[in-house]
Amino acid sequence: SNVFLVLLCYFTVTQSQNNCPGFLSQEFIVVTNPASSCSEIAQRSPQLSSGMHWLILPTSEQAIQVYCDLEREFPTGTKGWVRVANLNMTDPNQQCPQNFNLYTQPKRLCGKRTNGNGCDSVKFTASGLQYNKVCGRVVGYQFRSPDAFRRFVQSDSVIDKAYVDGVSITRGNPRKHIWTYAAGLVETMDSTYDDFHCPCSSSAGKQPPSFVGSDYYCESGLYSRPWTATVYSDDVLWDGERCDAIEA
């Protein structure tokens, strides 16, 4: 059937039946001919704007509501992507995910909660939708003295370890690598700290593990030594700007 009845539950002051345990109000809406993907919506209804839209899960014939980006054309040349996560820290009301600390100076940022080696992670769900491409962007800033892939040990080549000083994007369980955003120490050559540099041909920075391959960006936000315990907010990481020879 192309018609789906969806039960919505709300907290209100009006008592209702018990179809929504723990809730106080309910509403039935009819979803007619829902699409199976945001790209399908973009193709058959190009006049629609980005926002919340109904999709049908092919595996369960269940209708769900997701945010569809219908206007921007991504590098693949297609429109209509499901937004899985969006952390806009320029919004004063945006909070960091659980397990991350909120920093307000010099910018509103989310950072690791743990000190030293180790990882803090957050999981975003695709709501049961099938997908074959992932597109996104990470905005980051250097703090103190990151060392890119220096801590990676070849004999310990597993994706669940702290193999990079930066951000690791993975999918599924067990994890499968999508992209790595590495932060190197400085933008200029410094033979004293070769291992801290990005792993490009003009430096001696450590190479990434095999599961990363060439699917990574590596930049630094500090031009040269010395460094201090501060956030270098003048140079955004992983934007392809102000990159010198030892960044990749």
Protein backbone atom coordinates (compact mmCIF):
# COMPACT_ATOMS: atom_id res chain seq x y z
CA SER A 1 0.00 0.00 0.00
CA ASN A 2 1.13 3.60 -0.67
CA VAL A 3 -0.92 5.04 2.20
CA PHE A 4 0.45 4.90 5.74
CA LEU A 5 -1.24 5.77 9.02
CA VAL A 6 1.20 7.31 11.49
CA LEU A 7 0.52 7.70 15.21
CA LEU A 8 2.09 10.79 16.78
CA CYS A 9 2.23 11.19 20.55
CA TYR A 10 2.58 14.43 22.50
CA PHE A 11 2.87 15.65 26.06
CA THR A 12 -0.16 17.91 26.58
CA VAL A 13 -2.63 18.73 29.33
CA THR A 14 -5.43 16.71 27.70
CA GLN A 15 -5.97 13.14 28.87
CA SER A 16 -6.35 10.60 26.07
CA GLN A 17 -6.58 6.91 25.38
CA ASN A 18 -3.72 4.56 26.22
CA ASN A 19 -2.42 4.00 22.70
CA CYS A 20 0.60 6.12 23.63
CA PRO A 21 1.73 4.79 27.02
CA GLY A 22 3.35 7.56 29.04
CA PHE A 23 1.98 10.29 26.78
CA LEU A 24 -1.09 12.46 27.22
CA SER A 25 -2.21 13.16 23.68
CA GLN A 26 -2.19 11.48 20.29
CA GLU A 27 -2.79 12.32 16.66
CA PHE A 28 -3.19 10.18 13.56
CA ILE A 29 -1.94 11.51 10.23
CA VAL A 30 -2.04 9.95 6.77
CA VAL A 31 1.15 9.79 4.69
CA THR A 32 0.33 9.20 1.02
CA ASN A 33 2.86 7.69 -1.39
CA PRO A 34 6.01 8.39 0.64
CA ALA A 35 9.35 8.23 -1.18
CA SER A 36 12.05 5.70 -0.37
CA SER A 37 14.88 8.28 -0.31
CA CYS A 38 15.58 12.01 -0.22
CA SER A 39 17.07 11.75 -3.72
CA GLU A 40 13.76 10.36 -4.98
CA ILE A 41 11.97 13.37 -3.47
CA ALA A 42 14.46 15.73 -5.14
CA GLN A 43 13.89 14.08 -8.52
CA ARG A 44 10.11 13.88 -8.53
CA SER A 45 9.39 17.09 -6.60
CA PRO A 46 12.22 19.55 -7.39
CA GLN A 47 10.09 22.47 -6.13
CA LEU A 48 10.26 21.26 -2.53
CA SER A 49 12.62 22.84 -0.02
CA SER A 50 14.99 21.21 2.43
CA GLY A 51 13.35 20.19 5.68
CA MET A 52 11.54 17.31 7.35
CA HIS A 53 10.02 14.83 4.89
CA TRP A 54 8.44 11.38 5.11
CA LEU A 55 10.27 8.31 3.79
CA ILE A 56 9.30 4.66 3.68
CA LEU A 57 11.75 2.09 4.98
CA PRO A 58 12.01 -0.56 2.23
CA THR A 59 12.78 -3.34 4.68
CA SER A 60 9.81 -2.80 6.98
CA GLU A 61 7.32 -0.62 5.06
CA GLN A 62 7.43 1.78 8.00
CA ALA A 63 7.12 5.53 7.38
CA ILE A 64 9.66 7.74 9.15
CA GLN A 65 10.33 11.48 9.11
CA VAL A 66 13.86 12.68 8.33
CA TYR A 67 15.61 15.90 7.33
CA CYS A 68 16.24 15.97 3.56
CA ASP A 69 18.75 18.37 2.03
CA LEU A 70 17.09 18.95 -1.34
CA GLU A 71 18.79 22.10 -2.57
CA ARG A 72 22.55 21.74 -2.37
CA GLU A 73 24.29 19.79 -5.10
CA PHE A 74 26.99 17.64 -3.63
CA PRO A 75 30.31 16.76 -5.31
CA THR A 76 28.74 13.59 -6.68
CA GLY A 77 26.41 15.75 -8.79
CA THR A 78 23.26 14.63 -6.97
CA LYS A 79 20.71 16.31 -4.75
CA GLY A 80 18.62 14.83 -1.99
CA TRP A 81 20.65 13.64 0.99
CA VAL A 82 19.45 12.49 4.41
CA ARG A 83 20.91 14.60 7.18
CA VAL A 84 22.20 12.20 9.82
CA ALA A 85 23.98 14.74 12.01
CA ASN A 86 24.34 18.50 12.17
CA LEU A 87 26.30 20.24 14.92
CA ASN A 88 26.29 23.96 14.26
CA MET A 89 28.34 25.36 17.11
CA THR A 90 27.80 28.95 15.91
CA ASP A 91 24.25 28.51 17.21
CA PRO A 92 24.31 29.60 20.88
CA ASN A 93 21.65 27.01 21.69
CA GLN A 94 23.54 24.08 20.16
CA GLN A 95 24.91 21.66 22.74
CA CYS A 96 27.69 19.13 22.34
CA PRO A 97 26.90 15.41 22.09
CA GLN A 98 27.11 13.29 25.20
CA ASN A 99 30.71 12.42 26.18
CA PHE A 100 32.05 15.69 24.74
CA ASN A 101 32.91 18.89 26.56
CA LEU A 102 31.62 22.30 25.50
CA TYR A 103 34.25 25.04 25.20
CA THR A 104 33.22 28.66 24.77
CA GLN A 105 36.59 30.38 24.25
CA PRO A 106 37.89 31.45 21.81
CA LYS A 107 34.95 29.87 19.95
CA ARG A 108 32.08 27.55 20.87
CA LEU A 109 33.60 24.12 20.27
CA CYS A 110 33.11 20.47 21.22
CA GLY A 111 36.18 18.62 22.46
CA LYS A 112 37.36 15.42 24.06
CA ARG A 113 36.34 14.81 27.63
CA THR A 114 39.26 12.52 28.38
CA ASN A 115 42.84 13.77 28.75
CA GLY A 116 45.83 12.22 27.02
CA ASN A 117 45.58 9.17 24.76
CA GLY A 118 42.23 7.61 24.02
CA CYS A 119 39.05 8.30 22.12
CA ASP A 120 35.68 9.87 22.82
CA SER A 121 32.96 8.97 20.35
CA VAL A 122 29.38 9.69 19.39
CA LYS A 123 27.02 7.58 17.33
CA PHE A 124 24.51 8.97 14.82
CA THR A 125 21.83 6.73 13.36
CA ALA A 126 20.70 6.48 9.75
CA SER A 127 17.21 5.53 11.02
CA GLY A 128 17.30 2.18 9.23
CA LEU A 129 17.71 3.74 5.78
CA GLN A 130 19.94 2.02 3.25
CA TYR A 131 22.76 4.12 1.80
CA ASN A 132 25.80 3.76 -0.44
CA LYS A 133 27.44 7.19 -0.10
CA VAL A 134 28.39 9.41 2.82
CA CYS A 135 29.09 13.12 2.41
CA GLY A 136 29.99 15.59 5.11
CA ARG A 137 32.32 18.18 6.55
CA VAL A 138 34.23 18.57 9.81
CA VAL A 139 35.42 21.95 11.07
CA GLY A 140 38.22 21.76 13.61
CA TYR A 141 40.93 23.83 15.28
CA GLN A 142 44.34 22.82 16.56
CA PHE A 143 44.94 22.66 20.30
CA ARG A 144 48.49 22.60 21.61
CA SER A 145 50.71 20.06 19.74
CA PRO A 146 48.89 17.33 17.79
CA ASP A 147 51.03 14.64 16.14
CA ALA A 148 48.89 13.29 13.27
CA PHE A 149 49.58 9.52 12.94
CA ARG A 150 52.67 9.45 15.18
CA ARG A 151 51.08 7.26 17.85
CA PHE A 152 49.98 4.65 15.35
CA VAL A 153 51.91 1.39 15.83
CA GLN A 154 51.96 -0.91 12.82
CA SER A 155 51.65 -4.03 14.97
CA ASP A 156 48.42 -2.66 16.48
CA SER A 157 46.56 -1.93 13.24
CA VAL A 158 42.96 -1.88 14.47
CA ILE A 159 40.37 0.80 13.85
CA ASP A 160 39.16 0.83 17.47
CA LYS A 161 42.49 2.16 18.76
CA ALA A 162 43.60 5.81 18.98
CA TYR A 163 45.43 5.67 15.65
CA VAL A 164 45.19 9.41 14.86
CA ASP A 165 45.35 12.78 16.55
CA GLY A 166 42.17 14.13 15.00
CA VAL A 167 38.74 12.84 13.97
CA SER A 168 37.82 9.39 12.67
CA ILE A 169 34.56 8.83 10.76
CA THR A 170 33.40 5.21 10.65
CA ARG A 171 30.24 3.24 9.96
CA GLY A 172 28.67 -0.04 11.01
CA ASN A 173 29.51 -2.62 13.64
CA PRO A 174 32.28 -3.72 13.49
CA ARG A 175 33.56 -0.33 12.41
CA LYS A 176 34.47 0.34 8.78
CA HIS A 177 36.56 3.36 7.90
CA ILE A 178 35.06 6.25 5.91
CA TRP A 179 37.41 9.21 6.40
CA THR A 180 40.06 10.47 8.80
CA TYR A 181 40.82 14.11 9.66
CA ALA A 182 44.36 14.28 11.06
CA ALA A 183 46.02 17.27 12.74
CA GLY A 184 49.77 17.77 12.31
CA LEU A 185 52.06 19.84 14.50
CA VAL A 186 53.18 22.81 12.36
CA GLU A 187 52.93 24.03 8.78
CA THR A 188 56.69 24.43 8.26
CA MET A 189 59.44 21.81 8.20
CA ASP A 190 60.86 21.05 11.64
CA SER A 191 63.30 18.15 11.67
CA THR A 192 63.23 17.96 15.47
CA TYR A 193 59.60 16.85 15.30
CA ASP A 194 59.44 15.01 11.96
CA ASP A 195 57.15 12.33 13.40
CA PHE A 196 54.58 14.97 14.35
CA HIS A 197 54.06 16.11 10.75
CA CYS A 198 51.43 15.07 8.24
CA PRO A 199 52.36 11.99 6.20
CA CYS A 200 53.10 13.63 2.85
CA SER A 201 56.16 13.20 0.64
CA SER A 202 58.08 16.27 1.84
CA SER A 203 58.10 15.28 5.51
CA ALA A 204 58.87 12.25 7.61
CA GLY A 205 55.47 12.10 9.25
CA LYS A 206 54.18 8.63 10.07
CA GLN A 207 52.06 6.97 7.40
CA PRO A 208 48.43 6.12 8.30
CA PRO A 209 47.33 2.53 8.89
CA SER A 210 46.33 0.44 5.90
CA PHE A 211 42.59 0.72 6.58
CA VAL A 212 42.85 4.51 6.14
CA GLY A 213 44.77 4.37 2.86
CA SER A 214 44.49 7.73 1.08
CA ASP A 215 41.08 8.54 2.59
CA TYR A 216 42.22 11.32 4.89
CA TYR A 217 42.99 15.03 5.20
CA CYS A 218 45.87 16.32 7.28
CA GLU A 219 46.50 19.96 8.18
CA SER A 220 48.00 22.08 10.93
CA GLY A 221 46.72 25.31 12.41
CA LEU A 222 50.12 26.52 13.67
CA TYR A 223 52.75 27.93 11.32
CA SER A 224 55.84 27.13 13.41
CA ARG A 225 57.10 26.56 16.93
CA PRO A 226 56.80 27.36 19.78
CA TRP A 227 53.33 26.14 20.73
CA THR A 228 51.26 26.77 23.84
CA ALA A 229 48.22 25.20 25.48
CA THR A 230 45.78 27.19 23.39
CA VAL A 231 43.28 26.79 20.57
CA TYR A 232 44.71 28.17 17.32
CA SER A 233 41.50 29.60 15.96
CA ASP A 234 42.99 31.72 13.15
CA ASP A 235 43.50 28.77 10.79
CA VAL A 236 40.64 26.31 10.31
CA LEU A 237 41.75 22.71 9.87
CA TRP A 238 40.80 20.58 6.86
CA ASP A 239 39.54 23.43 4.68
CA GLY A 240 42.33 23.20 2.11
CA GLU A 241 43.42 26.77 2.82
CA ARG A 242 46.87 27.97 3.93
CA CYS A 243 48.37 24.54 3.28
CA ASP A 244 52.15 24.32 2.97
CA ALA A 245 54.28 21.52 1.57
CA ILE A 246 54.11 19.29 4.63
CA GLU A 247 50.31 19.24 4.75
CA ALA A 248 48.21 16.84 2.68
